[in-house]
């Protein structure tokens, strides 16, 4: 487990992911086991891996949507992660949901690592699921541009 200096934690808590990653010299990363969620992302066309954090993982970043790279079985996949309480759904428990691009594997019970590359936006409440779906499409497009499909330094074949 890596000890993160207090000045880096301060940057992370402010959502300054690029700054924190620069100070660390590598991307801020969390580890967790994929658990069964509400499966609402699947109905919207954006299936997610819901994470239960490992005991040693400290979550220093605020609720919101992030461009990420996740390591699954040693292969890196680009994606977006939502951290929050999902106000559009009327839920109140904190969740960590990772949508991996071009990924279609059953990974329930598997441990994955998620590297945070860039903060995209605050968590928001949408008027309905269609508005949420449209925003997720926009988030995915922005993340694809930020992550430069095909040229991430840690990338496997995905």
C-alpha atoms as a PDB file:
ATOM      1  CA  UNK A   1       0.000   0.000   0.000  1.00  0.00           C
ATOM      2  CA  UNK A   2       1.319   3.421  -1.002  1.00  0.00           C
ATOM      3  CA  UNK A   3       1.278   6.216   1.570  1.00  0.00           C
ATOM      4  CA  UNK A   4      -0.064   9.370  -0.039  1.00  0.00           C
ATOM      5  CA  UNK A   5       1.379  12.666   1.219  1.00  0.00           C
ATOM      6  CA  UNK A   6      -1.022  15.159   2.779  1.00  0.00           C
ATOM      7  CA  UNK A   7      -0.530  17.801   0.038  1.00  0.00           C
ATOM      8  CA  UNK A   8      -1.544  15.202  -2.581  1.00  0.00           C
ATOM      9  CA  UNK A   9      -4.587  14.198  -0.528  1.00  0.00           C
ATOM     10  CA  UNK A  10      -5.558  17.874  -0.468  1.00  0.00           C
ATOM     11  CA  UNK A  11      -5.438  18.006  -4.288  1.00  0.00           C
ATOM     12  CA  UNK A  12      -7.446  14.782  -4.550  1.00  0.00           C
ATOM     13  CA  UNK A  13     -10.140  16.059  -2.170  1.00  0.00           C
ATOM     14  CA  UNK A  14     -10.523  19.133  -4.384  1.00  0.00           C
ATOM     15  CA  UNK A  15     -10.983  16.923  -7.458  1.00  0.00           C
ATOM     16  CA  UNK A  16      -7.656  18.061  -8.933  1.00  0.00           C
ATOM     17  CA  UNK A  17      -6.824  14.644 -10.309  1.00  0.00           C
ATOM     18  CA  UNK A  18      -4.212  15.680 -12.891  1.00  0.00           C
ATOM     19  CA  UNK A  19      -2.362  17.735 -10.295  1.00  0.00           C
ATOM     20  CA  UNK A  20      -2.438  14.911  -7.753  1.00  0.00           C
ATOM     21  CA  UNK A  21      -1.273  12.362 -10.340  1.00  0.00           C
ATOM     22  CA  UNK A  22       1.587  14.675 -11.321  1.00  0.00           C
ATOM     23  CA  UNK A  23       2.619  15.052  -7.667  1.00  0.00           C
ATOM     24  CA  UNK A  24       2.417  11.287  -7.111  1.00  0.00           C
ATOM     25  CA  UNK A  25       4.244  10.442 -10.323  1.00  0.00           C
ATOM     26  CA  UNK A  26       1.537   7.881 -11.175  1.00  0.00           C
ATOM     27  CA  UNK A  27      -2.281   7.783 -11.290  1.00  0.00           C
ATOM     28  CA  UNK A  28      -4.261   7.705  -8.054  1.00  0.00           C
ATOM     29  CA  UNK A  29      -5.716   4.205  -7.866  1.00  0.00           C
ATOM     30  CA  UNK A  30      -8.363   2.399  -5.869  1.00  0.00           C
ATOM     31  CA  UNK A  31      -8.938  -1.356  -5.543  1.00  0.00           C
ATOM     32  CA  UNK A  32     -12.170  -3.188  -5.029  1.00  0.00           C
ATOM     33  CA  UNK A  33     -14.220  -6.285  -5.652  1.00  0.00           C
ATOM     34  CA  UNK A  34     -17.032  -6.173  -8.213  1.00  0.00           C
ATOM     35  CA  UNK A  35     -20.387  -6.698  -6.502  1.00  0.00           C
ATOM     36  CA  UNK A  36     -23.933  -6.933  -7.808  1.00  0.00           C
ATOM     37  CA  UNK A  37     -25.616  -3.528  -7.958  1.00  0.00           C
ATOM     38  CA  UNK A  38     -29.078  -2.311  -8.973  1.00  0.00           C
ATOM     39  CA  UNK A  39     -28.262  -3.085 -12.645  1.00  0.00           C
ATOM     40  CA  UNK A  40     -29.775   0.225 -13.794  1.00  0.00           C
ATOM     41  CA  UNK A  41     -26.688   1.099 -15.858  1.00  0.00           C
ATOM     42  CA  UNK A  42     -27.288  -2.040 -17.895  1.00  0.00           C
ATOM     43  CA  UNK A  43     -30.852  -0.920 -18.717  1.00  0.00           C
ATOM     44  CA  UNK A  44     -29.460   2.438 -19.887  1.00  0.00           C
ATOM     45  CA  UNK A  45     -26.929   0.756 -22.182  1.00  0.00           C
ATOM     46  CA  UNK A  46     -23.981   1.483 -19.858  1.00  0.00           C
ATOM     47  CA  UNK A  47     -23.379  -1.593 -17.688  1.00  0.00           C
ATOM     48  CA  UNK A  48     -21.249  -0.885 -14.660  1.00  0.00           C
ATOM     49  CA  UNK A  49     -18.971  -2.795 -12.349  1.00  0.00           C
ATOM     50  CA  UNK A  50     -20.040  -1.760  -8.851  1.00  0.00           C
ATOM     51  CA  UNK A  51     -17.091  -1.774  -6.467  1.00  0.00           C
ATOM     52  CA  UNK A  52     -16.813  -2.651  -2.837  1.00  0.00           C
ATOM     53  CA  UNK A  53     -13.522  -1.098  -1.815  1.00  0.00           C
ATOM     54  CA  UNK A  54     -10.840  -3.214  -0.245  1.00  0.00           C
ATOM     55  CA  UNK A  55     -10.175  -2.468   3.419  1.00  0.00           C
ATOM     56  CA  UNK A  56      -6.835  -0.776   2.736  1.00  0.00           C
ATOM     57  CA  UNK A  57      -8.232   1.530   0.022  1.00  0.00           C
ATOM     58  CA  UNK A  58      -8.808   5.119   1.065  1.00  0.00           C
ATOM     59  CA  UNK A  59     -11.213   7.120  -1.092  1.00  0.00           C
ATOM     60  CA  UNK A  60      -9.859  10.666  -1.112  1.00  0.00           C
ATOM     61  CA  UNK A  61     -11.770  12.071  -4.081  1.00  0.00           C
ATOM     62  CA  UNK A  62     -15.141  13.842  -4.076  1.00  0.00           C
ATOM     63  CA  UNK A  63     -18.355  12.523  -5.572  1.00  0.00           C
ATOM     64  CA  UNK A  64     -18.509  12.996  -9.318  1.00  0.00           C
ATOM     65  CA  UNK A  65     -17.732  11.479 -12.685  1.00  0.00           C
ATOM     66  CA  UNK A  66     -14.179  10.648 -13.750  1.00  0.00           C
ATOM     67  CA  UNK A  67     -12.279   9.425 -16.804  1.00  0.00           C
ATOM     68  CA  UNK A  68     -10.479   6.272 -15.673  1.00  0.00           C
ATOM     69  CA  UNK A  69      -8.372   3.345 -16.737  1.00  0.00           C
ATOM     70  CA  UNK A  70      -9.190   0.061 -14.986  1.00  0.00           C
ATOM     71  CA  UNK A  71      -7.042  -3.034 -14.713  1.00  0.00           C
ATOM     72  CA  UNK A  72      -8.972  -6.287 -15.050  1.00  0.00           C
ATOM     73  CA  UNK A  73      -6.964  -9.540 -15.110  1.00  0.00           C
ATOM     74  CA  UNK A  74      -3.833  -7.576 -16.043  1.00  0.00           C
ATOM     75  CA  UNK A  75      -5.447  -5.826 -19.035  1.00  0.00           C
ATOM     76  CA  UNK A  76      -6.199  -2.093 -19.024  1.00  0.00           C
ATOM     77  CA  UNK A  77      -9.570  -0.769 -20.174  1.00  0.00           C
ATOM     78  CA  UNK A  78     -10.679   2.831 -20.517  1.00  0.00           C
ATOM     79  CA  UNK A  79     -13.891   3.963 -18.910  1.00  0.00           C
ATOM     80  CA  UNK A  80     -15.813   6.357 -16.740  1.00  0.00           C
ATOM     81  CA  UNK A  81     -16.519   6.080 -13.040  1.00  0.00           C
ATOM     82  CA  UNK A  82     -19.313   7.623 -11.033  1.00  0.00           C
ATOM     83  CA  UNK A  83     -18.792   8.049  -7.310  1.00  0.00           C
ATOM     84  CA  UNK A  84     -21.858   9.184  -5.433  1.00  0.00           C
ATOM     85  CA  UNK A  85     -25.330   8.515  -4.141  1.00  0.00           C
ATOM     86  CA  UNK A  86     -27.162   8.489  -7.511  1.00  0.00           C
ATOM     87  CA  UNK A  87     -29.695  11.260  -6.764  1.00  0.00           C
ATOM     88  CA  UNK A  88     -31.637  10.714 -10.010  1.00  0.00           C
ATOM     89  CA  UNK A  89     -32.559   7.267  -8.696  1.00  0.00           C
ATOM     90  CA  UNK A  90     -33.476   8.589  -5.255  1.00  0.00           C
ATOM     91  CA  UNK A  91     -30.765   6.502  -3.614  1.00  0.00           C
ATOM     92  CA  UNK A  92     -28.642   7.655  -0.684  1.00  0.00           C
ATOM     93  CA  UNK A  93     -25.899   5.069  -0.206  1.00  0.00           C
ATOM     94  CA  UNK A  94     -22.477   5.862  -1.653  1.00  0.00           C
ATOM     95  CA  UNK A  95     -21.613   3.743  -4.672  1.00  0.00           C
ATOM     96  CA  UNK A  96     -18.645   3.432  -7.001  1.00  0.00           C
ATOM     97  CA  UNK A  97     -19.715   2.419 -10.509  1.00  0.00           C
ATOM     98  CA  UNK A  98     -17.249   1.805 -13.336  1.00  0.00           C
ATOM     99  CA  UNK A  99     -18.369   1.641 -16.972  1.00  0.00           C
ATOM    100  CA  UNK A 100     -15.606   0.035 -19.038  1.00  0.00           C
ATOM    101  CA  UNK A 101     -15.534   0.806 -22.762  1.00  0.00           C
ATOM    102  CA  UNK A 102     -15.623  -2.152 -25.151  1.00  0.00           C
ATOM    103  CA  UNK A 103     -15.877  -4.618 -22.291  1.00  0.00           C
ATOM    104  CA  UNK A 104     -18.310  -7.500 -21.920  1.00  0.00           C
ATOM    105  CA  UNK A 105     -17.126  -9.987 -19.312  1.00  0.00           C
ATOM    106  CA  UNK A 106     -18.670 -11.334 -16.139  1.00  0.00           C
ATOM    107  CA  UNK A 107     -16.356 -10.089 -13.403  1.00  0.00           C
ATOM    108  CA  UNK A 108     -18.591 -10.408 -10.328  1.00  0.00           C
ATOM    109  CA  UNK A 109     -16.446 -11.284  -7.339  1.00  0.00           C
ATOM    110  CA  UNK A 110     -13.253 -10.253  -9.145  1.00  0.00           C
ATOM    111  CA  UNK A 111     -10.821  -7.667  -7.832  1.00  0.00           C
ATOM    112  CA  UNK A 112     -10.076  -4.721 -10.137  1.00  0.00           C
ATOM    113  CA  UNK A 113      -7.963  -1.579  -9.886  1.00  0.00           C
ATOM    114  CA  UNK A 114      -9.228   1.794 -11.094  1.00  0.00           C
ATOM    115  CA  UNK A 115      -6.797   4.593 -11.985  1.00  0.00           C
ATOM    116  CA  UNK A 116      -8.289   8.084 -11.970  1.00  0.00           C
ATOM    117  CA  UNK A 117      -7.090  10.190 -14.891  1.00  0.00           C
ATOM    118  CA  UNK A 118      -9.368  13.251 -14.963  1.00  0.00           C
ATOM    119  CA  UNK A 119     -12.375  14.707 -13.157  1.00  0.00           C
ATOM    120  CA  UNK A 120     -15.239  15.268 -15.619  1.00  0.00           C
ATOM    121  CA  UNK A 121     -18.098  16.762 -13.600  1.00  0.00           C
ATOM    122  CA  UNK A 122     -19.964  16.879 -10.302  1.00  0.00           C
ATOM    123  CA  UNK A 123     -22.633  14.326  -9.506  1.00  0.00           C
ATOM    124  CA  UNK A 124     -25.993  15.696 -10.633  1.00  0.00           C
ATOM    125  CA  UNK A 125     -29.694  14.946 -10.312  1.00  0.00           C
ATOM    126  CA  UNK A 126     -31.411  14.591 -13.694  1.00  0.00           C
ATOM    127  CA  UNK A 127     -35.093  15.034 -14.487  1.00  0.00           C
ATOM    128  CA  UNK A 128     -35.437  11.437 -15.715  1.00  0.00           C
ATOM    129  CA  UNK A 129     -33.475   8.408 -16.885  1.00  0.00           C
ATOM    130  CA  UNK A 130     -33.375   9.635 -20.503  1.00  0.00           C
ATOM    131  CA  UNK A 131     -31.623  12.836 -19.405  1.00  0.00           C
ATOM    132  CA  UNK A 132     -29.184  10.750 -17.357  1.00  0.00           C
ATOM    133  CA  UNK A 133     -28.533   8.449 -20.334  1.00  0.00           C
ATOM    134  CA  UNK A 134     -27.829  11.443 -22.595  1.00  0.00           C
ATOM    135  CA  UNK A 135     -25.349  12.844 -20.064  1.00  0.00           C
ATOM    136  CA  UNK A 136     -23.584   9.497 -19.749  1.00  0.00           C
ATOM    137  CA  UNK A 137     -23.171   9.456 -23.546  1.00  0.00           C
ATOM    138  CA  UNK A 138     -21.553  12.916 -23.323  1.00  0.00           C
ATOM    139  CA  UNK A 139     -19.338  11.826 -20.417  1.00  0.00           C
ATOM    140  CA  UNK A 140     -18.184   8.781 -22.391  1.00  0.00           C
ATOM    141  CA  UNK A 141     -17.336  10.876 -25.453  1.00  0.00           C
ATOM    142  CA  UNK A 142     -15.308  13.351 -23.376  1.00  0.00           C
ATOM    143  CA  UNK A 143     -13.496  10.496 -21.603  1.00  0.00           C
ATOM    144  CA  UNK A 144     -12.677   8.806 -24.915  1.00  0.00           C
ATOM    145  CA  UNK A 145     -11.129  12.060 -26.142  1.00  0.00           C
ATOM    146  CA  UNK A 146      -9.184  12.588 -22.899  1.00  0.00           C
ATOM    147  CA  UNK A 147      -7.941   9.017 -22.755  1.00  0.00           C
ATOM    148  CA  UNK A 148      -6.930   8.978 -26.420  1.00  0.00           C
ATOM    149  CA  UNK A 149      -8.275   5.612 -27.469  1.00  0.00           C
ATOM    150  CA  UNK A 150      -5.464   3.324 -28.514  1.00  0.00           C
ATOM    151  CA  UNK A 151      -2.555   5.197 -26.993  1.00  0.00           C
ATOM    152  CA  UNK A 152      -2.771   5.034 -23.188  1.00  0.00           C
ATOM    153  CA  UNK A 153       0.695   4.265 -21.790  1.00  0.00           C
ATOM    154  CA  UNK A 154      -0.609   1.388 -19.654  1.00  0.00           C
ATOM    155  CA  UNK A 155      -2.854  -0.003 -22.361  1.00  0.00           C
ATOM    156  CA  UNK A 156      -3.076  -3.630 -23.303  1.00  0.00           C
ATOM    157  CA  UNK A 157      -4.977  -4.323 -26.471  1.00  0.00           C
ATOM    158  CA  UNK A 158      -8.013  -2.378 -25.348  1.00  0.00           C
END
